[in-house]
């Protein structure tokens, strides 16, 4: 059987979701997935029908497809993958002149 995992250690997603389920429920579902050691959801925009949330997941070997499927099963959609870290350790992003 082929291993679907990719060595991803941190994944940051921009997600559009309906008001229900709540971010508490979504965090619980994602936090229970195999390979996920921690999850952080931040609400950064809301309108009458939807919420935009930033989802940060960390683990030793995250399965992006499984995570995306669970997000979609809860009625949400991944707008973009905003950050990804892979390898034996997480490398923190360094600010450069272009970032200022």
PDB file of N, CA and C in Angstrom:
ATOM      1  N   UNK A   1       0.841  -1.180   0.000  1.00  0.00           N
ATOM      2  CA  UNK A   1       0.000   0.000   0.000  1.00  0.00           C
ATOM      3  C   UNK A   1       0.882   1.238   0.000  1.00  0.00           C
ATOM      4  N   UNK A   2       0.545   2.205  -0.846  1.00  0.00           N
ATOM      5  CA  UNK A   2       1.338   3.420  -0.976  1.00  0.00           C
ATOM      6  C   UNK A   2       1.014   4.402   0.147  1.00  0.00           C
ATOM      7  N   UNK A   3       2.055   5.027   0.727  1.00  0.00           N
ATOM      8  CA  UNK A   3       1.875   6.033   1.766  1.00  0.00           C
ATOM      9  C   UNK A   3       1.528   7.364   1.107  1.00  0.00           C
ATOM     10  N   UNK A   4       0.373   7.957   1.481  1.00  0.00           N
ATOM     11  CA  UNK A   4      -0.115   9.205   0.895  1.00  0.00           C
ATOM     12  C   UNK A   4       0.467  10.433   1.584  1.00  0.00           C
ATOM     13  N   UNK A   5       1.241  10.254   2.630  1.00  0.00           N
ATOM     14  CA  UNK A   5       1.757  11.388   3.387  1.00  0.00           C
ATOM     15  C   UNK A   5       2.991  11.947   2.712  1.00  0.00           C
ATOM     16  N   UNK A   6       3.287  13.222   3.035  1.00  0.00           N
ATOM     17  CA  UNK A   6       4.329  13.912   2.273  1.00  0.00           C
ATOM     18  C   UNK A   6       5.416  14.552   3.124  1.00  0.00           C
ATOM     19  N   UNK A   7       5.472  14.301   4.407  1.00  0.00           N
ATOM     20  CA  UNK A   7       6.495  14.917   5.243  1.00  0.00           C
ATOM     21  C   UNK A   7       6.163  16.339   5.642  1.00  0.00           C
ATOM     22  N   UNK A   8       4.936  16.780   5.432  1.00  0.00           N
ATOM     23  CA  UNK A   8       4.535  18.134   5.803  1.00  0.00           C
ATOM     24  C   UNK A   8       4.455  18.229   7.319  1.00  0.00           C
ATOM     25  N   UNK A   9       5.064  19.274   7.898  1.00  0.00           N
ATOM     26  CA  UNK A   9       5.081  19.459   9.342  1.00  0.00           C
ATOM     27  C   UNK A   9       4.230  20.635   9.787  1.00  0.00           C
ATOM     28  N   UNK A  10       4.065  21.656   8.935  1.00  0.00           N
ATOM     29  CA  UNK A  10       3.175  22.787   9.231  1.00  0.00           C
ATOM     30  C   UNK A  10       2.425  23.136   7.958  1.00  0.00           C
ATOM     31  N   UNK A  11       1.139  23.404   8.116  1.00  0.00           N
ATOM     32  CA  UNK A  11       0.276  23.741   6.994  1.00  0.00           C
ATOM     33  C   UNK A  11      -0.620  24.889   7.442  1.00  0.00           C
ATOM     34  N   UNK A  12      -0.618  25.978   6.657  1.00  0.00           N
ATOM     35  CA  UNK A  12      -1.468  27.132   6.952  1.00  0.00           C
ATOM     36  C   UNK A  12      -2.422  27.313   5.783  1.00  0.00           C
ATOM     37  N   UNK A  13      -3.721  27.269   6.090  1.00  0.00           N
ATOM     38  CA  UNK A  13      -4.762  27.304   5.067  1.00  0.00           C
ATOM     39  C   UNK A  13      -5.674  28.502   5.266  1.00  0.00           C
ATOM     40  N   UNK A  14      -6.099  29.101   4.161  1.00  0.00           N
ATOM     41  CA  UNK A  14      -7.144  30.122   4.150  1.00  0.00           C
ATOM     42  C   UNK A  14      -8.418  29.400   3.754  1.00  0.00           C
ATOM     43  N   UNK A  15      -9.410  29.398   4.652  1.00  0.00           N
ATOM     44  CA  UNK A  15     -10.614  28.586   4.459  1.00  0.00           C
ATOM     45  C   UNK A  15     -11.861  29.451   4.570  1.00  0.00           C
ATOM     46  N   UNK A  16     -12.807  29.218   3.670  1.00  0.00           N
ATOM     47  CA  UNK A  16     -14.128  29.840   3.727  1.00  0.00           C
ATOM     48  C   UNK A  16     -15.105  28.790   4.220  1.00  0.00           C
ATOM     49  N   UNK A  17     -15.853  29.126   5.289  1.00  0.00           N
ATOM     50  CA  UNK A  17     -16.772  28.166   5.880  1.00  0.00           C
ATOM     51  C   UNK A  17     -18.092  28.829   6.207  1.00  0.00           C
ATOM     52  N   UNK A  18     -19.168  28.039   6.276  1.00  0.00           N
ATOM     53  CA  UNK A  18     -20.440  28.573   6.762  1.00  0.00           C
ATOM     54  C   UNK A  18     -20.326  28.809   8.275  1.00  0.00           C
ATOM     55  N   UNK A  19     -21.291  29.538   8.852  1.00  0.00           N
ATOM     56  CA  UNK A  19     -21.260  29.779  10.301  1.00  0.00           C
ATOM     57  C   UNK A  19     -21.349  28.482  11.102  1.00  0.00           C
ATOM     58  N   UNK A  20     -22.068  27.514  10.575  1.00  0.00           N
ATOM     59  CA  UNK A  20     -22.174  26.206  11.221  1.00  0.00           C
ATOM     60  C   UNK A  20     -21.580  25.156  10.317  1.00  0.00           C
ATOM     61  N   UNK A  21     -20.698  24.328  10.804  1.00  0.00           N
ATOM     62  CA  UNK A  21     -20.294  24.156  12.181  1.00  0.00           C
ATOM     63  C   UNK A  21     -19.392  25.304  12.653  1.00  0.00           C
ATOM     64  N   UNK A  22     -19.289  25.436  13.969  1.00  0.00           N
ATOM     65  CA  UNK A  22     -18.471  26.497  14.552  1.00  0.00           C
ATOM     66  C   UNK A  22     -16.985  26.190  14.362  1.00  0.00           C
ATOM     67  N   UNK A  23     -16.160  27.199  14.601  1.00  0.00           N
ATOM     68  CA  UNK A  23     -14.715  26.965  14.516  1.00  0.00           C
ATOM     69  C   UNK A  23     -14.264  26.005  15.619  1.00  0.00           C
ATOM     70  N   UNK A  24     -14.995  25.966  16.725  1.00  0.00           N
ATOM     71  CA  UNK A  24     -14.681  25.021  17.799  1.00  0.00           C
ATOM     72  C   UNK A  24     -14.869  23.588  17.297  1.00  0.00           C
ATOM     73  N   UNK A  25     -15.996  23.340  16.628  1.00  0.00           N
ATOM     74  CA  UNK A  25     -16.262  22.001  16.090  1.00  0.00           C
ATOM     75  C   UNK A  25     -15.251  21.633  15.009  1.00  0.00           C
ATOM     76  N   UNK A  26     -14.950  22.568  14.113  1.00  0.00           N
ATOM     77  CA  UNK A  26     -13.988  22.301  13.042  1.00  0.00           C
ATOM     78  C   UNK A  26     -12.612  22.009  13.618  1.00  0.00           C
ATOM     79  N   UNK A  27     -12.191  22.778  14.620  1.00  0.00           N
ATOM     80  CA  UNK A  27     -10.890  22.538  15.257  1.00  0.00           C
ATOM     81  C   UNK A  27     -10.848  21.154  15.891  1.00  0.00           C
ATOM     82  N   UNK A  28     -11.943  20.740  16.521  1.00  0.00           N
ATOM     83  CA  UNK A  28     -11.983  19.421  17.145  1.00  0.00           C
ATOM     84  C   UNK A  28     -11.831  18.298  16.141  1.00  0.00           C
ATOM     85  N   UNK A  29     -12.535  18.409  15.013  1.00  0.00           N
ATOM     86  CA  UNK A  29     -12.449  17.386  13.963  1.00  0.00           C
ATOM     87  C   UNK A  29     -11.029  17.322  13.397  1.00  0.00           C
ATOM     88  N   UNK A  30     -10.451  18.481  13.085  1.00  0.00           N
ATOM     89  CA  UNK A  30      -9.106  18.498  12.504  1.00  0.00           C
ATOM     90  C   UNK A  30      -8.059  18.042  13.515  1.00  0.00           C
ATOM     91  N   UNK A  31      -8.233  18.424  14.773  1.00  0.00           N
ATOM     92  CA  UNK A  31      -7.281  18.026  15.806  1.00  0.00           C
ATOM     93  C   UNK A  31      -7.271  16.535  16.076  1.00  0.00           C
ATOM     94  N   UNK A  32      -8.367  15.848  15.748  1.00  0.00           N
ATOM     95  CA  UNK A  32      -8.454  14.400  15.951  1.00  0.00           C
ATOM     96  C   UNK A  32      -7.898  13.583  14.789  1.00  0.00           C
ATOM     97  N   UNK A  33      -7.523  14.239  13.687  1.00  0.00           N
ATOM     98  CA  UNK A  33      -7.016  13.500  12.529  1.00  0.00           C
ATOM     99  C   UNK A  33      -5.646  12.895  12.822  1.00  0.00           C
ATOM    100  N   UNK A  34      -5.409  11.732  12.230  1.00  0.00           N
ATOM    101  CA  UNK A  34      -4.114  11.077  12.361  1.00  0.00           C
ATOM    102  C   UNK A  34      -3.020  11.995  11.818  1.00  0.00           C
ATOM    103  N   UNK A  35      -1.936  12.134  12.571  1.00  0.00           N
ATOM    104  CA  UNK A  35      -0.804  12.942  12.139  1.00  0.00           C
ATOM    105  C   UNK A  35      -0.868  14.395  12.584  1.00  0.00           C
ATOM    106  N   UNK A  36      -2.013  14.852  13.073  1.00  0.00           N
ATOM    107  CA  UNK A  36      -2.153  16.241  13.523  1.00  0.00           C
ATOM    108  C   UNK A  36      -1.845  16.290  15.016  1.00  0.00           C
ATOM    109  N   UNK A  37      -0.801  17.057  15.367  1.00  0.00           N
ATOM    110  CA  UNK A  37      -0.431  17.229  16.776  1.00  0.00           C
ATOM    111  C   UNK A  37      -1.071  18.477  17.372  1.00  0.00           C
ATOM    112  N   UNK A  38      -1.370  19.463  16.546  1.00  0.00           N
ATOM    113  CA  UNK A  38      -1.980  20.690  17.034  1.00  0.00           C
ATOM    114  C   UNK A  38      -2.654  21.435  15.908  1.00  0.00           C
ATOM    115  N   UNK A  39      -3.693  22.200  16.263  1.00  0.00           N
ATOM    116  CA  UNK A  39      -4.433  22.985  15.275  1.00  0.00           C
ATOM    117  C   UNK A  39      -4.818  24.315  15.912  1.00  0.00           C
ATOM    118  N   UNK A  40      -4.770  25.370  15.112  1.00  0.00           N
ATOM    119  CA  UNK A  40      -5.147  26.703  15.554  1.00  0.00           C
ATOM    120  C   UNK A  40      -6.038  27.302  14.480  1.00  0.00           C
ATOM    121  N   UNK A  41      -7.230  27.749  14.852  1.00  0.00           N
ATOM    122  CA  UNK A  41      -8.136  28.423  13.920  1.00  0.00           C
ATOM    123  C   UNK A  41      -8.303  29.863  14.371  1.00  0.00           C
ATOM    124  N   UNK A  42      -8.173  30.797  13.433  1.00  0.00           N
ATOM    125  CA  UNK A  42      -8.358  32.216  13.710  1.00  0.00           C
ATOM    126  C   UNK A  42      -9.388  32.767  12.748  1.00  0.00           C
ATOM    127  N   UNK A  43     -10.439  33.361  13.300  1.00  0.00           N
ATOM    128  CA  UNK A  43     -11.464  34.009  12.497  1.00  0.00           C
ATOM    129  C   UNK A  43     -10.966  35.401  12.133  1.00  0.00           C
ATOM    130  N   UNK A  44     -10.915  35.709  10.834  1.00  0.00           N
ATOM    131  CA  UNK A  44     -10.455  37.042  10.463  1.00  0.00           C
ATOM    132  C   UNK A  44     -11.434  37.824   9.615  1.00  0.00           C
ATOM    133  N   UNK A  45     -12.537  37.232   9.212  1.00  0.00           N
ATOM    134  CA  UNK A  45     -13.560  37.974   8.485  1.00  0.00           C
ATOM    135  C   UNK A  45     -14.865  37.190   8.554  1.00  0.00           C
ATOM    136  N   UNK A  46     -15.981  37.940   8.687  1.00  0.00           N
ATOM    137  CA  UNK A  46     -17.282  37.308   8.781  1.00  0.00           C
ATOM    138  C   UNK A  46     -18.298  38.164   8.032  1.00  0.00           C
ATOM    139  N   UNK A  47     -19.210  37.497   7.322  1.00  0.00           N
ATOM    140  CA  UNK A  47     -20.346  38.207   6.739  1.00  0.00           C
ATOM    141  C   UNK A  47     -21.618  37.484   7.171  1.00  0.00           C
ATOM    142  N   UNK A  48     -22.739  37.766   6.530  1.00  0.00           N
ATOM    143  CA  UNK A  48     -24.007  37.184   6.972  1.00  0.00           C
ATOM    144  C   UNK A  48     -24.061  35.663   6.848  1.00  0.00           C
ATOM    145  N   UNK A  49     -23.353  35.107   5.871  1.00  0.00           N
ATOM    146  CA  UNK A  49     -23.465  33.665   5.626  1.00  0.00           C
ATOM    147  C   UNK A  49     -22.183  32.873   5.857  1.00  0.00           C
ATOM    148  N   UNK A  50     -21.032  33.534   5.802  1.00  0.00           N
ATOM    149  CA  UNK A  50     -19.769  32.792   5.844  1.00  0.00           C
ATOM    150  C   UNK A  50     -18.752  33.430   6.777  1.00  0.00           C
ATOM    151  N   UNK A  51     -17.713  32.662   7.039  1.00  0.00           N
ATOM    152  CA  UNK A  51     -16.573  33.109   7.838  1.00  0.00           C
ATOM    153  C   UNK A  51     -15.290  32.729   7.105  1.00  0.00           C
ATOM    154  N   UNK A  52     -14.328  33.629   7.106  1.00  0.00           N
ATOM    155  CA  UNK A  52     -12.988  33.311   6.621  1.00  0.00           C
ATOM    156  C   UNK A  52     -12.134  32.994   7.833  1.00  0.00           C
ATOM    157  N   UNK A  53     -11.477  31.847   7.802  1.00  0.00           N
ATOM    158  CA  UNK A  53     -10.629  31.450   8.912  1.00  0.00           C
ATOM    159  C   UNK A  53      -9.251  31.047   8.393  1.00  0.00           C
ATOM    160  N   UNK A  54      -8.260  31.320   9.225  1.00  0.00           N
ATOM    161  CA  UNK A  54      -6.909  30.837   8.968  1.00  0.00           C
ATOM    162  C   UNK A  54      -6.739  29.606   9.844  1.00  0.00           C
ATOM    163  N   UNK A  55      -6.368  28.501   9.220  1.00  0.00           N
ATOM    164  CA  UNK A  55      -6.165  27.250   9.953  1.00  0.00           C
ATOM    165  C   UNK A  55      -4.690  26.886   9.877  1.00  0.00           C
ATOM    166  N   UNK A  56      -4.067  26.752  11.042  1.00  0.00           N
ATOM    167  CA  UNK A  56      -2.678  26.319  11.130  1.00  0.00           C
ATOM    168  C   UNK A  56      -2.657  24.955  11.784  1.00  0.00           C
ATOM    169  N   UNK A  57      -2.036  23.996  11.096  1.00  0.00           N
ATOM    170  CA  UNK A  57      -1.914  22.641  11.619  1.00  0.00           C
ATOM    171  C   UNK A  57      -0.443  22.279  11.712  1.00  0.00           C
ATOM    172  N   UNK A  58      -0.080  21.564  12.778  1.00  0.00           N
ATOM    173  CA  UNK A  58       1.274  21.050  12.905  1.00  0.00           C
ATOM    174  C   UNK A  58       1.219  19.583  13.282  1.00  0.00           C
ATOM    175  N   UNK A  59       2.189  18.840  12.800  1.00  0.00           N
ATOM    176  CA  UNK A  59       2.318  17.417  13.092  1.00  0.00           C
ATOM    177  C   UNK A  59       3.559  16.888  12.415  1.00  0.00           C
ATOM    178  N   UNK A  60       3.896  15.657  12.694  1.00  0.00           N
ATOM    179  CA  UNK A  60       5.118  15.091  12.124  1.00  0.00           C
ATOM    180  C   UNK A  60       4.977  14.710  10.667  1.00  0.00           C
ATOM    181  N   UNK A  61       3.756  14.443  10.208  1.00  0.00           N
ATOM    182  CA  UNK A  61       3.563  14.018   8.822  1.00  0.00           C
ATOM    183  C   UNK A  61       2.107  14.262   8.434  1.00  0.00           C
ATOM    184  N   UNK A  62       1.761  15.515   8.143  1.00  0.00           N
ATOM    185  CA  UNK A  62       0.386  15.887   7.830  1.00  0.00           C
ATOM    186  C   UNK A  62      -0.017  15.386   6.449  1.00  0.00           C
ATOM    187  N   UNK A  63      -1.244  14.943   6.339  1.00  0.00           N
ATOM    188  CA  UNK A  63      -1.795  14.444   5.083  1.00  0.00           C
ATOM    189  C   UNK A  63      -2.739  15.518   4.533  1.00  0.00           C
ATOM    190  N   UNK A  64      -2.248  16.334   3.596  1.00  0.00           N
ATOM    191  CA  UNK A  64      -3.040  17.454   3.076  1.00  0.00           C
ATOM    192  C   UNK A  64      -4.372  16.996   2.496  1.00  0.00           C
ATOM    193  N   UNK A  65      -4.398  15.937   1.740  1.00  0.00           N
ATOM    194  CA  UNK A  65      -5.640  15.486   1.107  1.00  0.00           C
ATOM    195  C   UNK A  65      -6.680  15.083   2.142  1.00  0.00           C
ATOM    196  N   UNK A  66      -6.263  14.393   3.182  1.00  0.00           N
ATOM    197  CA  UNK A  66      -7.178  14.021   4.258  1.00  0.00           C
ATOM    198  C   UNK A  66      -7.717  15.263   4.958  1.00  0.00           C
ATOM    199  N   UNK A  67      -6.851  16.211   5.233  1.00  0.00           N
ATOM    200  CA  UNK A  67      -7.256  17.464   5.883  1.00  0.00           C
ATOM    201  C   UNK A  67      -8.245  18.214   5.000  1.00  0.00           C
ATOM    202  N   UNK A  68      -7.946  18.339   3.721  1.00  0.00           N
ATOM    203  CA  UNK A  68      -8.836  19.041   2.781  1.00  0.00           C
ATOM    204  C   UNK A  68     -10.192  18.357   2.715  1.00  0.00           C
ATOM    205  N   UNK A  69     -10.196  17.033   2.661  1.00  0.00           N
ATOM    206  CA  UNK A  69     -11.454  16.280   2.608  1.00  0.00           C
ATOM    207  C   UNK A  69     -12.303  16.529   3.854  1.00  0.00           C
ATOM    208  N   UNK A  70     -11.687  16.535   5.019  1.00  0.00           N
ATOM    209  CA  UNK A  70     -12.435  16.764   6.261  1.00  0.00           C
ATOM    210  C   UNK A  70     -12.996  18.184   6.300  1.00  0.00           C
ATOM    211  N   UNK A  71     -12.229  19.147   5.816  1.00  0.00           N
ATOM    212  CA  UNK A  71     -12.716  20.528   5.746  1.00  0.00           C
ATOM    213  C   UNK A  71     -13.930  20.599   4.831  1.00  0.00           C
ATOM    214  N   UNK A  72     -13.847  19.960   3.672  1.00  0.00           N
ATOM    215  CA  UNK A  72     -14.969  19.949   2.730  1.00  0.00           C
ATOM    216  C   UNK A  72     -16.166  19.179   3.285  1.00  0.00           C
ATOM    217  N   UNK A  73     -15.927  18.103   4.032  1.00  0.00           N
ATOM    218  CA  UNK A  73     -17.014  17.350   4.649  1.00  0.00           C
ATOM    219  C   UNK A  73     -17.804  18.204   5.636  1.00  0.00           C
ATOM    220  N   UNK A  74     -17.172  19.242   6.170  1.00  0.00           N
ATOM    221  CA  UNK A  74     -17.835  20.133   7.118  1.00  0.00           C
ATOM    222  C   UNK A  74     -18.429  21.355   6.418  1.00  0.00           C
ATOM    223  N   UNK A  75     -18.489  21.320   5.070  1.00  0.00           N
ATOM    224  CA  UNK A  75     -19.139  22.383   4.312  1.00  0.00           C
ATOM    225  C   UNK A  75     -18.269  23.569   3.993  1.00  0.00           C
ATOM    226  N   UNK A  76     -16.972  23.456   4.226  1.00  0.00           N
ATOM    227  CA  UNK A  76     -16.038  24.552   3.979  1.00  0.00           C
ATOM    228  C   UNK A  76     -15.199  24.264   2.741  1.00  0.00           C
ATOM    229  N   UNK A  77     -14.433  25.260   2.314  1.00  0.00           N
ATOM    230  CA  UNK A  77     -13.572  25.097   1.144  1.00  0.00           C
ATOM    231  C   UNK A  77     -12.239  25.793   1.403  1.00  0.00           C
ATOM    232  N   UNK A  78     -11.154  25.138   0.970  1.00  0.00           N
ATOM    233  CA  UNK A  78      -9.822  25.722   1.081  1.00  0.00           C
ATOM    234  C   UNK A  78      -9.648  26.735  -0.048  1.00  0.00           C
ATOM    235  N   UNK A  79      -9.469  28.006   0.313  1.00  0.00           N
ATOM    236  CA  UNK A  79      -9.194  29.041  -0.688  1.00  0.00           C
ATOM    237  C   UNK A  79      -7.756  28.972  -1.172  1.00  0.00           C
ATOM    238  N   UNK A  80      -6.829  28.794  -0.213  1.00  0.00           N
ATOM    239  CA  UNK A  80      -5.420  28.742  -0.599  1.00  0.00           C
ATOM    240  C   UNK A  80      -4.594  28.077   0.489  1.00  0.00           C
ATOM    241  N   UNK A  81      -3.446  27.577   0.065  1.00  0.00           N
ATOM    242  CA  UNK A  81      -2.419  27.111   0.996  1.00  0.00           C
ATOM    243  C   UNK A  81      -1.472  28.288   1.150  1.00  0.00           C
ATOM    244  N   UNK A  82      -1.463  28.905   2.345  1.00  0.00           N
ATOM    245  CA  UNK A  82      -0.703  30.131   2.563  1.00  0.00           C
ATOM    246  C   UNK A  82       0.714  29.888   3.061  1.00  0.00           C
ATOM    247  N   UNK A  83       0.956  28.743   3.660  1.00  0.00           N
ATOM    248  CA  UNK A  83       2.306  28.428   4.127  1.00  0.00           C
ATOM    249  C   UNK A  83       2.407  26.925   4.275  1.00  0.00           C
ATOM    250  N   UNK A  84       3.603  26.432   4.035  1.00  0.00           N
ATOM    251  CA  UNK A  84       3.852  25.007   4.222  1.00  0.00           C
ATOM    252  C   UNK A  84       5.296  24.840   4.683  1.00  0.00           C
ATOM    253  N   UNK A  85       5.502  23.936   5.607  1.00  0.00           N
ATOM    254  CA  UNK A  85       6.850  23.601   6.062  1.00  0.00           C
ATOM    255  C   UNK A  85       6.966  22.085   6.019  1.00  0.00           C
ATOM    256  N   UNK A  86       8.062  21.602   5.486  1.00  0.00           N
ATOM    257  CA  UNK A  86       8.271  20.164   5.371  1.00  0.00           C
ATOM    258  C   UNK A  86       9.727  19.856   5.678  1.00  0.00           C
ATOM    259  N   UNK A  87       9.981  18.616   5.971  1.00  0.00           N
ATOM    260  CA  UNK A  87      11.337  18.195   6.268  1.00  0.00           C
ATOM    261  C   UNK A  87      11.458  17.699   7.693  1.00  0.00           C
ATOM    262  N   UNK A  88      12.696  17.590   8.175  1.00  0.00           N
ATOM    263  CA  UNK A  88      12.930  17.044   9.506  1.00  0.00           C
ATOM    264  C   UNK A  88      12.627  18.036  10.620  1.00  0.00           C
ATOM    265  N   UNK A  89      12.640  19.341  10.316  1.00  0.00           N
ATOM    266  CA  UNK A  89      12.290  20.352  11.312  1.00  0.00           C
ATOM    267  C   UNK A  89      11.650  21.544  10.606  1.00  0.00           C
ATOM    268  N   UNK A  90      10.947  22.348  11.397  1.00  0.00           N
ATOM    269  CA  UNK A  90      10.291  23.538  10.855  1.00  0.00           C
ATOM    270  C   UNK A  90      11.289  24.680  10.823  1.00  0.00           C
ATOM    271  N   UNK A  91      11.408  25.304   9.667  1.00  0.00           N
ATOM    272  CA  UNK A  91      12.264  26.475   9.499  1.00  0.00           C
ATOM    273  C   UNK A  91      11.360  27.695   9.564  1.00  0.00           C
ATOM    274  N   UNK A  92      11.621  28.586  10.508  1.00  0.00           N
ATOM    275  CA  UNK A  92      10.826  29.803  10.633  1.00  0.00           C
ATOM    276  C   UNK A  92      11.220  30.775   9.519  1.00  0.00           C
ATOM    277  N   UNK A  93      10.206  31.453   8.979  1.00  0.00           N
ATOM    278  CA  UNK A  93      10.434  32.424   7.923  1.00  0.00           C
ATOM    279  C   UNK A  93      11.200  33.618   8.470  1.00  0.00           C
ATOM    280  N   UNK A  94      12.154  34.125   7.693  1.00  0.00           N
ATOM    281  CA  UNK A  94      12.977  35.263   8.076  1.00  0.00           C
ATOM    282  C   UNK A  94      12.537  36.484   7.287  1.00  0.00           C
ATOM    283  N   UNK A  95      12.395  37.617   7.964  1.00  0.00           N
ATOM    284  CA  UNK A  95      12.021  38.856   7.279  1.00  0.00           C
ATOM    285  C   UNK A  95      13.185  39.352   6.439  1.00  0.00           C
ATOM    286  N   UNK A  96      12.888  39.766   5.198  1.00  0.00           N
ATOM    287  CA  UNK A  96      13.892  40.320   4.298  1.00  0.00           C
ATOM    288  C   UNK A  96      13.547  41.770   3.998  1.00  0.00           C
ATOM    289  N   UNK A  97      14.410  42.462   3.256  1.00  0.00           N
ATOM    290  CA  UNK A  97      14.161  43.847   2.885  1.00  0.00           C
ATOM    291  C   UNK A  97      12.854  44.010   2.108  1.00  0.00           C
ATOM    292  N   UNK A  98      12.511  43.025   1.301  1.00  0.00           N
ATOM    293  CA  UNK A  98      11.288  43.095   0.506  1.00  0.00           C
ATOM    294  C   UNK A  98      10.036  43.051   1.388  1.00  0.00           C
ATOM    295  N   UNK A  99      10.142  42.472   2.573  1.00  0.00           N
ATOM    296  CA  UNK A  99       9.005  42.348   3.491  1.00  0.00           C
ATOM    297  C   UNK A  99       8.708  43.640   4.243  1.00  0.00           C
ATOM    298  N   UNK A 100       9.644  44.551   4.248  1.00  0.00           N
ATOM    299  CA  UNK A 100       9.492  45.793   5.041  1.00  0.00           C
ATOM    300  C   UNK A 100       8.724  46.831   4.299  1.00  0.00           C
TER     301      UNK A 100
END
